[in-house]
Amino acid sequence: MFKKIAAAGALLLAASAASAAQPNTFYAGADIGRTEVDDFSGHDTSVGAFVGYQFHQNVAVEGGLRRLAEYDIGVLTGGLMRAGDVRVNQAHLSLVGSLPVGESFSVYGRLGANRLEARISTPGYQGKDSTTRALYGVGLSYAYSPAVSARLEVQKPSSDASNLSAGLSYRF
């Protein structure tokens, strides 16, 4: 089954190489989305920015920063409930492989690493913890013009968090 999927992907890649993005170009953009972390209820808004370099018609290297989430929490200390917050930030670097599926659409996958940092702040206590994890994601891109694209992506920055974001990128 995997061999058939790989062969079909290779044929599609070869057939659509002419409509792929031009190599040796830089791009930058921003996105907004929703993050879900397993240990916290609900979703939270994420915002991010990214820069990349397309060194092959179907492969780019990309780095970015994102505020994944900010949650209000209650902490019981000394018999009193005190308000606090938790902020989760992400810095990432990854390879992005894209495959055109039409004149303006392409699908892409991401594989890389990200540094996650969680900061907790309550009255009388502040702390932080960070970890480096693998990052993967899949997305869909639509080119409005050769320079401007919109994208929709699902990322998995850690085993207990997922992010869905929509953004714009500008190629220069």
C-alpha atoms as a PDB file:
ATOM      1  CA  MET A   1       0.000   0.000   0.000  1.00  0.00           C
ATOM      2  CA  PHE A   2       2.766   2.444   0.963  1.00  0.00           C
ATOM      3  CA  LYS A   3       4.650   1.693  -2.283  1.00  0.00           C
ATOM      4  CA  LYS A   4       1.546   2.516  -4.351  1.00  0.00           C
ATOM      5  CA  ILE A   5       1.036   5.814  -2.509  1.00  0.00           C
ATOM      6  CA  ALA A   6       4.720   6.711  -2.902  1.00  0.00           C
ATOM      7  CA  ALA A   7       4.653   5.864  -6.629  1.00  0.00           C
ATOM      8  CA  ALA A   8       1.488   7.917  -7.187  1.00  0.00           C
ATOM      9  CA  GLY A   9       3.020  10.822  -5.287  1.00  0.00           C
ATOM     10  CA  ALA A  10       6.206  10.658  -7.353  1.00  0.00           C
ATOM     11  CA  LEU A  11       4.216  10.666 -10.597  1.00  0.00           C
ATOM     12  CA  LEU A  12       2.090  13.583  -9.441  1.00  0.00           C
ATOM     13  CA  LEU A  13       5.210  15.460  -8.378  1.00  0.00           C
ATOM     14  CA  ALA A  14       6.888  14.890 -11.736  1.00  0.00           C
ATOM     15  CA  ALA A  15       3.776  15.849 -13.700  1.00  0.00           C
ATOM     16  CA  SER A  16       3.216  19.069 -11.814  1.00  0.00           C
ATOM     17  CA  ALA A  17       6.782  20.316 -11.402  1.00  0.00           C
ATOM     18  CA  ALA A  18       6.255  23.033 -13.994  1.00  0.00           C
ATOM     19  CA  SER A  19       3.642  24.788 -11.853  1.00  0.00           C
ATOM     20  CA  ALA A  20       5.652  24.593  -8.636  1.00  0.00           C
ATOM     21  CA  ALA A  21       6.999  27.647  -6.820  1.00  0.00           C
ATOM     22  CA  GLN A  22      10.210  29.121  -8.141  1.00  0.00           C
ATOM     23  CA  PRO A  23      13.322  28.034  -6.213  1.00  0.00           C
ATOM     24  CA  ASN A  24      15.815  30.400  -4.590  1.00  0.00           C
ATOM     25  CA  THR A  25      13.215  32.790  -3.179  1.00  0.00           C
ATOM     26  CA  PHE A  26      12.575  34.071   0.313  1.00  0.00           C
ATOM     27  CA  TYR A  27       9.143  34.409   1.881  1.00  0.00           C
ATOM     28  CA  ALA A  28       7.652  35.682   5.125  1.00  0.00           C
ATOM     29  CA  GLY A  29       4.211  35.669   6.668  1.00  0.00           C
ATOM     30  CA  ALA A  30       1.934  35.601   9.661  1.00  0.00           C
ATOM     31  CA  ASP A  31      -0.898  33.399  10.870  1.00  0.00           C
ATOM     32  CA  ILE A  32      -3.622  33.193  13.472  1.00  0.00           C
ATOM     33  CA  GLY A  33      -5.193  30.031  14.793  1.00  0.00           C
ATOM     34  CA  ARG A  34      -6.474  27.904  17.629  1.00  0.00           C
ATOM     35  CA  THR A  35      -4.458  25.676  19.955  1.00  0.00           C
ATOM     36  CA  GLU A  36      -5.717  22.786  22.011  1.00  0.00           C
ATOM     37  CA  VAL A  37      -3.618  21.455  24.890  1.00  0.00           C
ATOM     38  CA  ASP A  38      -4.823  18.211  26.499  1.00  0.00           C
ATOM     39  CA  ASP A  39      -4.369  19.286  30.136  1.00  0.00           C
ATOM     40  CA  PHE A  40      -6.395  22.481  29.717  1.00  0.00           C
ATOM     41  CA  SER A  41     -10.045  22.763  28.823  1.00  0.00           C
ATOM     42  CA  GLY A  42     -11.070  24.531  25.642  1.00  0.00           C
ATOM     43  CA  HIS A  43      -9.052  26.166  22.895  1.00  0.00           C
ATOM     44  CA  ASP A  44      -6.989  29.325  22.844  1.00  0.00           C
ATOM     45  CA  THR A  45      -6.019  31.745  20.096  1.00  0.00           C
ATOM     46  CA  SER A  46      -2.513  31.473  18.660  1.00  0.00           C
ATOM     47  CA  VAL A  47      -0.581  34.056  16.662  1.00  0.00           C
ATOM     48  CA  GLY A  48       2.653  33.523  14.776  1.00  0.00           C
ATOM     49  CA  ALA A  49       5.153  34.782  12.247  1.00  0.00           C
ATOM     50  CA  PHE A  50       7.455  32.831   9.954  1.00  0.00           C
ATOM     51  CA  VAL A  51      10.223  33.256   7.388  1.00  0.00           C
ATOM     52  CA  GLY A  52      11.431  30.748   4.840  1.00  0.00           C
ATOM     53  CA  TYR A  53      13.723  30.073   1.932  1.00  0.00           C
ATOM     54  CA  GLN A  54      12.548  27.992  -1.046  1.00  0.00           C
ATOM     55  CA  PHE A  55      15.791  26.319  -2.173  1.00  0.00           C
ATOM     56  CA  HIS A  56      14.099  23.776  -4.483  1.00  0.00           C
ATOM     57  CA  GLN A  57      10.837  24.031  -6.399  1.00  0.00           C
ATOM     58  CA  ASN A  58       9.198  21.664  -3.883  1.00  0.00           C
ATOM     59  CA  VAL A  59      11.299  22.085  -0.711  1.00  0.00           C
ATOM     60  CA  ALA A  60      11.838  25.009   1.657  1.00  0.00           C
ATOM     61  CA  VAL A  61      13.366  25.572   5.050  1.00  0.00           C
ATOM     62  CA  GLU A  62      11.199  27.599   7.431  1.00  0.00           C
ATOM     63  CA  GLY A  63      11.561  29.083  10.885  1.00  0.00           C
ATOM     64  CA  GLY A  64       9.059  30.884  13.050  1.00  0.00           C
ATOM     65  CA  LEU A  65       7.753  32.018  16.404  1.00  0.00           C
ATOM     66  CA  ARG A  66       4.246  31.479  17.736  1.00  0.00           C
ATOM     67  CA  ARG A  67       2.311  32.231  20.891  1.00  0.00           C
ATOM     68  CA  LEU A  68       0.507  28.915  21.100  1.00  0.00           C
ATOM     69  CA  ALA A  69      -1.757  29.648  24.044  1.00  0.00           C
ATOM     70  CA  GLU A  70      -2.404  31.694  27.159  1.00  0.00           C
ATOM     71  CA  TYR A  71      -4.644  30.153  29.804  1.00  0.00           C
ATOM     72  CA  ASP A  72      -6.052  31.627  33.004  1.00  0.00           C
ATOM     73  CA  ILE A  73      -5.690  29.248  35.941  1.00  0.00           C
ATOM     74  CA  GLY A  74      -6.678  29.112  39.561  1.00  0.00           C
ATOM     75  CA  VAL A  75      -4.092  28.022  42.130  1.00  0.00           C
ATOM     76  CA  LEU A  76      -5.022  26.976  45.663  1.00  0.00           C
ATOM     77  CA  THR A  77      -2.416  28.347  48.104  1.00  0.00           C
ATOM     78  CA  GLY A  78      -2.883  28.648  51.838  1.00  0.00           C
ATOM     79  CA  GLY A  79      -6.565  27.782  51.552  1.00  0.00           C
ATOM     80  CA  LEU A  80      -7.189  30.658  49.119  1.00  0.00           C
ATOM     81  CA  MET A  81      -7.837  30.426  45.388  1.00  0.00           C
ATOM     82  CA  ARG A  82      -5.515  32.777  43.517  1.00  0.00           C
ATOM     83  CA  ALA A  83      -5.625  33.694  39.839  1.00  0.00           C
ATOM     84  CA  GLY A  84      -2.688  33.075  37.552  1.00  0.00           C
ATOM     85  CA  ASP A  85      -1.870  32.387  33.944  1.00  0.00           C
ATOM     86  CA  VAL A  86       0.112  29.981  31.796  1.00  0.00           C
ATOM     87  CA  ARG A  87       1.688  31.077  28.491  1.00  0.00           C
ATOM     88  CA  VAL A  88       2.995  28.589  25.933  1.00  0.00           C
ATOM     89  CA  ASN A  89       5.379  29.831  23.212  1.00  0.00           C
ATOM     90  CA  GLN A  90       6.931  27.994  20.274  1.00  0.00           C
ATOM     91  CA  ALA A  91      10.075  28.563  18.202  1.00  0.00           C
ATOM     92  CA  HIS A  92      10.436  26.191  15.259  1.00  0.00           C
ATOM     93  CA  LEU A  93      12.696  25.239  12.370  1.00  0.00           C
ATOM     94  CA  SER A  94      11.534  22.731   9.767  1.00  0.00           C
ATOM     95  CA  LEU A  95      11.704  21.477   6.215  1.00  0.00           C
ATOM     96  CA  VAL A  96       8.532  22.052   4.218  1.00  0.00           C
ATOM     97  CA  GLY A  97       7.823  19.869   1.193  1.00  0.00           C
ATOM     98  CA  SER A  98       5.081  21.031  -1.178  1.00  0.00           C
ATOM     99  CA  LEU A  99       3.227  19.363  -4.005  1.00  0.00           C
ATOM    100  CA  PRO A 100       1.126  21.364  -6.483  1.00  0.00           C
ATOM    101  CA  VAL A 101      -2.339  19.853  -7.016  1.00  0.00           C
ATOM    102  CA  GLY A 102      -3.668  22.446  -9.432  1.00  0.00           C
ATOM    103  CA  GLU A 103      -2.837  25.768 -10.973  1.00  0.00           C
ATOM    104  CA  SER A 104      -3.024  27.666  -7.662  1.00  0.00           C
ATOM    105  CA  PHE A 105      -3.393  24.979  -4.972  1.00  0.00           C
ATOM    106  CA  SER A 106      -0.695  22.913  -3.321  1.00  0.00           C
ATOM    107  CA  VAL A 107      -0.507  20.605  -0.335  1.00  0.00           C
ATOM    108  CA  TYR A 108       2.491  20.606   1.939  1.00  0.00           C
ATOM    109  CA  GLY A 109       3.996  18.716   4.821  1.00  0.00           C
ATOM    110  CA  ARG A 110       6.312  19.890   7.545  1.00  0.00           C
ATOM    111  CA  LEU A 111       8.944  18.010   9.545  1.00  0.00           C
ATOM    112  CA  GLY A 112      11.287  19.669  11.991  1.00  0.00           C
ATOM    113  CA  ALA A 113      11.964  20.588  15.580  1.00  0.00           C
ATOM    114  CA  ASN A 114      10.453  23.130  17.903  1.00  0.00           C
ATOM    115  CA  ARG A 115      11.296  24.580  21.272  1.00  0.00           C
ATOM    116  CA  LEU A 116       8.286  24.919  23.539  1.00  0.00           C
ATOM    117  CA  GLU A 117       8.382  27.167  26.587  1.00  0.00           C
ATOM    118  CA  ALA A 118       5.663  27.309  29.225  1.00  0.00           C
ATOM    119  CA  ARG A 119       5.622  30.189  31.720  1.00  0.00           C
ATOM    120  CA  ILE A 120       3.423  30.205  34.793  1.00  0.00           C
ATOM    121  CA  SER A 121       2.711  33.339  36.772  1.00  0.00           C
ATOM    122  CA  THR A 122       0.706  33.523  39.998  1.00  0.00           C
ATOM    123  CA  PRO A 123       0.878  35.890  42.959  1.00  0.00           C
ATOM    124  CA  GLY A 124       4.065  34.966  44.763  1.00  0.00           C
ATOM    125  CA  TYR A 125       5.370  32.535  42.150  1.00  0.00           C
ATOM    126  CA  GLN A 126       6.773  32.678  38.639  1.00  0.00           C
ATOM    127  CA  GLY A 127       8.377  29.808  36.802  1.00  0.00           C
ATOM    128  CA  LYS A 128       9.103  28.413  33.383  1.00  0.00           C
ATOM    129  CA  ASP A 129       9.892  25.126  31.737  1.00  0.00           C
ATOM    130  CA  SER A 130      11.030  24.382  28.198  1.00  0.00           C
ATOM    131  CA  THR A 131      11.501  21.344  26.028  1.00  0.00           C
ATOM    132  CA  THR A 132      12.558  20.544  22.484  1.00  0.00           C
ATOM    133  CA  ARG A 133      10.279  18.241  20.505  1.00  0.00           C
ATOM    134  CA  ALA A 134       9.739  17.004  16.974  1.00  0.00           C
ATOM    135  CA  LEU A 135       7.285  19.056  14.942  1.00  0.00           C
ATOM    136  CA  TYR A 136       5.139  17.835  12.102  1.00  0.00           C
ATOM    137  CA  GLY A 137       2.202  19.214  10.205  1.00  0.00           C
ATOM    138  CA  VAL A 138       0.195  19.227   6.987  1.00  0.00           C
ATOM    139  CA  GLY A 139      -1.368  22.101   5.125  1.00  0.00           C
ATOM    140  CA  LEU A 140      -3.046  23.480   2.038  1.00  0.00           C
ATOM    141  CA  SER A 141      -1.827  26.581   0.207  1.00  0.00           C
ATOM    142  CA  TYR A 142      -3.586  28.779  -2.336  1.00  0.00           C
ATOM    143  CA  ALA A 143      -1.574  31.240  -4.459  1.00  0.00           C
ATOM    144  CA  TYR A 144      -3.517  34.448  -5.165  1.00  0.00           C
ATOM    145  CA  SER A 145      -0.572  35.656  -7.219  1.00  0.00           C
ATOM    146  CA  PRO A 146       3.069  34.610  -7.667  1.00  0.00           C
ATOM    147  CA  ALA A 147       3.906  36.684  -4.570  1.00  0.00           C
ATOM    148  CA  VAL A 148       0.911  36.234  -2.193  1.00  0.00           C
ATOM    149  CA  SER A 149      -0.396  32.936  -0.828  1.00  0.00           C
ATOM    150  CA  ALA A 150      -2.919  31.923   1.808  1.00  0.00           C
ATOM    151  CA  ARG A 151      -2.420  28.765   3.818  1.00  0.00           C
ATOM    152  CA  LEU A 152      -4.288  26.547   6.235  1.00  0.00           C
ATOM    153  CA  GLU A 153      -2.248  24.187   8.405  1.00  0.00           C
ATOM    154  CA  VAL A 154      -2.554  21.677  11.218  1.00  0.00           C
ATOM    155  CA  GLN A 155       0.586  21.297  13.358  1.00  0.00           C
ATOM    156  CA  LYS A 156       1.430  18.889  16.145  1.00  0.00           C
ATOM    157  CA  PRO A 157       4.059  20.721  18.240  1.00  0.00           C
ATOM    158  CA  SER A 158       3.953  18.081  21.013  1.00  0.00           C
ATOM    159  CA  SER A 159       2.153  14.872  21.853  1.00  0.00           C
ATOM    160  CA  ASP A 160      -0.434  16.738  23.966  1.00  0.00           C
ATOM    161  CA  ALA A 161      -0.979  19.849  21.800  1.00  0.00           C
ATOM    162  CA  SER A 162      -2.299  20.614  18.321  1.00  0.00           C
ATOM    163  CA  ASN A 163      -2.639  23.875  16.423  1.00  0.00           C
ATOM    164  CA  LEU A 164      -4.855  24.824  13.487  1.00  0.00           C
ATOM    165  CA  SER A 165      -3.859  28.088  11.821  1.00  0.00           C
ATOM    166  CA  ALA A 166      -4.660  30.218   8.778  1.00  0.00           C
ATOM    167  CA  GLY A 167      -2.196  32.728   7.403  1.00  0.00           C
ATOM    168  CA  LEU A 168      -0.763  34.721   4.536  1.00  0.00           C
ATOM    169  CA  SER A 169       2.717  34.610   3.098  1.00  0.00           C
ATOM    170  CA  TYR A 170       4.528  37.009   0.812  1.00  0.00           C
ATOM    171  CA  ARG A 171       7.272  35.797  -1.527  1.00  0.00           C
ATOM    172  CA  PHE A 172      10.009  38.274  -2.464  1.00  0.00           C
END
